[in-house]
Amino acid sequence: MNINLHIESLILDGLPLTRAQGVLVQAAVEAELARMLTERGLGSSLQAGGAMPSVSAPGLHLTASSTPAQIGQQIAQAVYGGIGQAEQGKQ
């Protein structure tokens, strides 16, 4: 299975990040989400295609020392919780 993931826009409202750090966060979200989808799959509700206007996700646990990569990974893991195979158990 090939997965190509591109996030056109990622709004990081309220996070004290520079533009350069925001780009790093976006790249980390794309990489982590693609990895998780490749390894664990997509939830049955989206396997045939479709769109979701929103995804429920738990809060992030950020600290002053959180790197852009760590922030991106946490965002991707939260999103995957709403769209991945893990969501099947929640139905």
Protein backbone atom coordinates (compact mmCIF):
# COMPACT_ATOMS: atom_id res chain seq x y z
CA MET A 1 0.00 0.00 0.00
CA ASN A 2 1.29 3.46 -0.87
CA ILE A 3 0.25 6.42 1.20
CA ASN A 4 0.99 9.96 0.12
CA LEU A 5 -0.02 12.51 2.69
CA HIS A 6 0.18 16.26 2.31
CA ILE A 7 -1.29 18.78 4.71
CA GLU A 8 -2.00 21.96 2.83
CA SER A 9 -2.59 24.08 5.91
CA LEU A 10 -2.04 23.44 9.60
CA ILE A 11 -3.24 26.14 11.96
CA LEU A 12 -1.33 26.15 15.23
CA ASP A 13 -3.25 28.86 17.01
CA GLY A 14 -1.97 29.69 20.46
CA LEU A 15 1.34 27.88 20.20
CA PRO A 16 4.45 30.04 20.63
CA LEU A 17 6.14 28.88 17.42
CA THR A 18 8.02 30.73 14.74
CA ARG A 19 7.06 30.26 11.09
CA ALA A 20 10.09 27.99 10.64
CA GLN A 21 9.07 25.87 13.63
CA GLY A 22 5.52 25.66 12.26
CA VAL A 23 6.89 24.17 9.04
CA LEU A 24 8.78 21.58 11.10
CA VAL A 25 5.63 20.72 13.07
CA GLN A 26 3.67 20.28 9.82
CA ALA A 27 6.37 17.97 8.40
CA ALA A 28 6.38 15.93 11.61
CA VAL A 29 2.56 15.60 11.53
CA GLU A 30 2.68 14.39 7.92
CA ALA A 31 5.49 11.90 8.60
CA GLU A 32 3.99 10.46 11.80
CA LEU A 33 0.45 10.24 10.42
CA ALA A 34 1.68 8.54 7.23
CA ARG A 35 3.71 6.09 9.34
CA MET A 36 0.74 5.24 11.54
CA LEU A 37 -1.62 4.81 8.59
CA THR A 38 0.90 2.56 6.83
CA GLU A 39 1.52 0.42 9.91
CA ARG A 40 -1.97 0.33 11.44
CA GLY A 41 -4.38 1.18 8.65
CA LEU A 42 -7.36 3.44 8.23
CA GLY A 43 -10.64 3.13 10.11
CA SER A 44 -13.44 1.28 8.33
CA SER A 45 -15.58 4.41 8.13
CA LEU A 46 -13.03 6.04 5.81
CA GLN A 47 -11.69 3.08 3.84
CA ALA A 48 -14.07 3.70 0.95
CA GLY A 49 -13.24 7.41 0.95
CA GLY A 50 -15.04 10.38 2.35
CA ALA A 51 -14.45 13.43 4.42
CA MET A 52 -14.73 14.33 8.08
CA PRO A 53 -15.59 17.90 9.04
CA SER A 54 -13.88 17.39 12.40
CA VAL A 55 -12.02 14.78 14.41
CA SER A 56 -12.35 14.47 18.17
CA ALA A 57 -8.96 14.22 19.79
CA PRO A 58 -7.57 14.25 23.30
CA GLY A 59 -5.61 17.25 24.56
CA LEU A 60 -1.91 17.51 23.93
CA HIS A 61 0.64 17.47 26.72
CA LEU A 62 3.18 20.09 25.75
CA THR A 63 5.98 21.49 27.85
CA ALA A 64 8.31 24.42 27.38
CA SER A 65 10.92 21.97 26.11
CA SER A 66 8.65 20.26 23.52
CA THR A 67 10.36 20.29 20.14
CA PRO A 68 8.51 20.89 16.86
CA ALA A 69 8.97 17.18 16.06
CA GLN A 70 7.42 16.14 19.38
CA ILE A 71 4.51 18.53 18.91
CA GLY A 72 3.91 17.20 15.40
CA GLN A 73 4.01 13.60 16.58
CA GLN A 74 1.47 14.31 19.31
CA ILE A 75 -0.87 16.05 16.87
CA ALA A 76 -0.61 13.13 14.42
CA GLN A 77 -1.26 10.57 17.15
CA ALA A 78 -4.33 12.50 18.29
CA VAL A 79 -5.67 12.74 14.72
CA TYR A 80 -4.99 9.06 14.10
CA GLY A 81 -7.06 8.24 17.16
CA GLY A 82 -10.06 9.63 15.27
CA ILE A 83 -9.42 8.18 11.81
CA GLY A 84 -7.32 5.06 12.28
CA GLN A 85 -8.05 1.43 13.01
CA ALA A 86 -8.15 2.37 16.70
CA GLU A 87 -11.44 4.21 16.11
CA GLN A 88 -13.23 0.94 15.26
CA GLY A 89 -13.27 -0.07 18.91
CA LYS A 90 -14.99 3.21 19.84
CA GLN A 91 -18.10 2.61 17.71
